[in-house]
Amino acid sequence: MLQSNRKIHLFKVTKALGILTLALVILVLPIMSGGVGASDDYRRLEVSDYERDLMAKAVYSEARGEPYEGQVAVAAVVINRVLDDRWPNDVEGVIFEPWAFTAVHDGQFWLSPDQTAHDAVEDAIKGWDPSNGAPFYYNPVTATSQWIFTRDPVTSIGKHVFAY
């Protein structure tokens, strides 16, 4: 009987430790990954003032008139590409990758960005990614490359579809 009680007690202790460990993971992991409760110092990517300006130009030229969330998502796509081995590992290289952004190709990139575009860039740098990690986005009404329609859509914000 005594040995049986010890087994039951050991099981309860083990179960309690497992629940405690799970609770710690649930509470601590989002903080460590920049999610809920992340400090203001969290950054997905360290970027210079020059790179911030390039990103703001990209956001403004590609997404002006879109909801704020969509502008943040466009900035996040730039960051997602920088962090992805398939693209150059810096903001300038990603933005000026041939044919990567229509606004660079057609010259709209050189328009002066507004404060909203700058704010969207800052929110993306701080870790907000409404694109859910997507490295692509497109407007299904104006896209001319059939290839982009082969990408797996993740979410839509405003007129843009964000995709993998």
Protein backbone atom coordinates (compact mmCIF):
# COMPACT_ATOMS: atom_id res chain seq x y z
CA MET A 1 0.00 0.00 0.00
CA LEU A 2 2.84 2.41 0.89
CA GLN A 3 4.57 1.80 -2.47
CA SER A 4 1.30 2.41 -4.32
CA ASN A 5 0.86 5.77 -2.53
CA ARG A 6 4.42 6.75 -3.49
CA LYS A 7 3.70 5.97 -7.14
CA ILE A 8 0.55 8.10 -7.02
CA HIS A 9 2.43 10.93 -5.30
CA LEU A 10 5.29 10.70 -7.86
CA PHE A 11 2.76 10.78 -10.71
CA LYS A 12 1.09 13.91 -9.24
CA VAL A 13 4.44 15.66 -8.79
CA THR A 14 5.52 14.76 -12.34
CA LYS A 15 2.19 15.95 -13.75
CA ALA A 16 2.43 19.22 -11.80
CA LEU A 17 5.97 19.85 -13.05
CA GLY A 18 4.85 19.18 -16.62
CA ILE A 19 2.00 21.67 -16.29
CA LEU A 20 4.35 24.23 -14.72
CA THR A 21 6.87 23.78 -17.56
CA LEU A 22 4.13 24.17 -20.17
CA ALA A 23 2.88 27.33 -18.45
CA LEU A 24 6.38 28.81 -18.46
CA VAL A 25 6.80 28.05 -22.15
CA ILE A 26 3.44 29.66 -22.95
CA LEU A 27 4.30 32.77 -20.93
CA VAL A 28 7.99 33.20 -21.77
CA LEU A 29 8.25 32.12 -25.42
CA PRO A 30 6.17 35.01 -26.85
CA ILE A 31 8.29 37.50 -24.91
CA MET A 32 11.53 35.95 -26.17
CA SER A 33 10.27 35.90 -29.77
CA GLY A 34 9.09 39.51 -29.80
CA GLY A 35 5.39 38.79 -29.37
CA VAL A 36 3.11 39.81 -26.56
CA GLY A 37 5.03 41.64 -23.87
CA ALA A 38 8.15 42.24 -25.96
CA SER A 39 10.20 45.22 -24.93
CA ASP A 40 10.32 48.36 -27.06
CA ASP A 41 13.95 47.49 -27.79
CA TYR A 42 13.02 44.34 -29.73
CA ARG A 43 13.91 44.52 -33.41
CA ARG A 44 13.41 41.94 -36.15
CA LEU A 45 16.31 43.51 -38.00
CA GLU A 46 18.79 46.27 -37.30
CA VAL A 47 18.60 48.88 -40.06
CA SER A 48 20.36 52.18 -40.66
CA ASP A 49 18.58 55.50 -41.21
CA TYR A 50 19.39 55.15 -44.92
CA GLU A 51 17.73 51.71 -45.03
CA ARG A 52 14.72 53.05 -43.10
CA ASP A 53 14.34 55.75 -45.73
CA LEU A 54 14.58 53.18 -48.55
CA MET A 55 11.91 51.07 -46.85
CA ALA A 56 9.65 54.11 -46.38
CA LYS A 57 10.03 54.92 -50.09
CA ALA A 58 9.12 51.32 -50.95
CA VAL A 59 6.10 51.36 -48.65
CA TYR A 60 4.88 54.72 -49.92
CA SER A 61 5.37 53.90 -53.59
CA GLU A 62 3.92 50.39 -53.35
CA ALA A 63 1.16 50.82 -50.76
CA ARG A 64 0.08 54.45 -50.38
CA GLY A 65 -3.68 54.50 -50.16
CA GLU A 66 -3.72 51.05 -48.56
CA PRO A 67 -4.79 50.54 -44.92
CA TYR A 68 -2.04 51.16 -42.37
CA GLU A 69 -1.86 47.42 -41.63
CA GLY A 70 -1.19 46.81 -45.33
CA GLN A 71 1.61 49.36 -45.34
CA VAL A 72 3.22 47.63 -42.35
CA ALA A 73 2.82 44.32 -44.17
CA VAL A 74 4.69 45.66 -47.23
CA ALA A 75 7.55 46.80 -44.96
CA ALA A 76 7.47 43.37 -43.31
CA VAL A 77 7.84 41.69 -46.71
CA VAL A 78 11.09 43.61 -47.23
CA ILE A 79 12.32 42.38 -43.84
CA ASN A 80 11.14 38.83 -44.55
CA ARG A 81 13.20 38.83 -47.73
CA VAL A 82 16.30 40.20 -46.00
CA LEU A 83 16.00 37.36 -43.47
CA ASP A 84 15.43 34.73 -46.21
CA ASP A 85 18.48 33.17 -47.90
CA ARG A 86 16.83 33.44 -51.33
CA TRP A 87 17.32 37.22 -51.39
CA PRO A 88 20.15 39.65 -50.67
CA ASN A 89 20.83 40.00 -46.94
CA ASP A 90 20.37 43.77 -46.77
CA VAL A 91 17.48 46.19 -47.33
CA GLU A 92 19.05 47.96 -50.30
CA GLY A 93 19.80 44.69 -52.08
CA VAL A 94 16.25 43.43 -51.57
CA ILE A 95 14.58 46.64 -52.74
CA PHE A 96 16.76 47.05 -55.83
CA GLU A 97 16.65 43.37 -56.82
CA PRO A 98 15.69 43.51 -60.53
CA TRP A 99 11.90 43.39 -61.02
CA ALA A 100 11.28 42.78 -57.32
CA PHE A 101 9.15 45.91 -56.82
CA THR A 102 7.08 47.52 -59.56
CA ALA A 103 7.53 50.98 -58.05
CA VAL A 104 11.32 50.75 -58.40
CA HIS A 105 10.95 49.71 -62.03
CA ASP A 106 8.44 52.42 -62.97
CA GLY A 107 10.11 55.22 -60.98
CA GLN A 108 7.42 55.81 -58.34
CA PHE A 109 9.94 54.64 -55.75
CA TRP A 110 11.56 58.08 -55.84
CA LEU A 111 8.44 59.87 -54.56
CA SER A 112 8.82 61.40 -51.08
CA PRO A 113 7.26 59.12 -48.47
CA ASP A 114 4.79 60.50 -45.93
CA GLN A 115 4.94 60.06 -42.16
CA THR A 116 2.56 57.09 -42.33
CA ALA A 117 5.05 55.18 -44.49
CA HIS A 118 7.84 55.95 -42.00
CA ASP A 119 5.63 54.83 -39.09
CA ALA A 120 4.76 51.60 -40.91
CA VAL A 121 8.46 50.86 -41.38
CA GLU A 122 9.13 51.42 -37.68
CA ASP A 123 6.29 49.09 -36.68
CA ALA A 124 7.63 46.38 -39.01
CA ILE A 125 11.15 46.81 -37.66
CA LYS A 126 9.77 46.47 -34.12
CA GLY A 127 8.32 43.09 -35.08
CA TRP A 128 4.76 43.60 -36.33
CA ASP A 129 4.26 41.40 -39.38
CA PRO A 130 0.67 41.44 -40.65
CA SER A 131 1.87 39.44 -43.68
CA ASN A 132 2.50 36.43 -41.41
CA GLY A 133 6.02 35.95 -42.75
CA ALA A 134 5.14 36.27 -46.42
CA PRO A 135 7.99 37.10 -48.82
CA PHE A 136 5.60 38.07 -51.66
CA TYR A 137 2.63 40.35 -52.18
CA TYR A 138 0.69 41.46 -55.22
CA ASN A 139 -2.44 43.22 -56.34
CA PRO A 140 -4.48 40.56 -58.14
CA VAL A 141 -6.19 43.20 -60.29
CA THR A 142 -2.99 44.80 -61.62
CA ALA A 143 -0.43 41.95 -61.47
CA THR A 144 0.88 41.08 -64.93
CA SER A 145 3.11 38.12 -64.11
CA GLN A 146 1.23 34.84 -64.08
CA TRP A 147 3.98 33.39 -61.89
CA ILE A 148 2.87 35.42 -58.86
CA PHE A 149 -0.52 33.68 -58.94
CA THR A 150 1.27 30.37 -58.30
CA ARG A 151 2.34 31.55 -54.82
CA ASP A 152 0.33 30.28 -51.85
CA PRO A 153 -1.79 33.12 -50.44
CA VAL A 154 -1.50 33.75 -46.71
CA THR A 155 -3.69 36.78 -46.15
CA SER A 156 -5.23 39.74 -47.94
CA ILE A 157 -5.01 43.31 -46.65
CA GLY A 158 -6.60 46.07 -48.67
CA LYS A 159 -5.93 45.42 -52.35
CA HIS A 160 -2.85 43.26 -51.74
CA VAL A 161 -2.55 39.49 -51.38
CA PHE A 162 0.41 38.33 -49.28
CA ALA A 163 1.84 34.96 -50.21
CA TYR A 164 4.59 32.37 -49.75
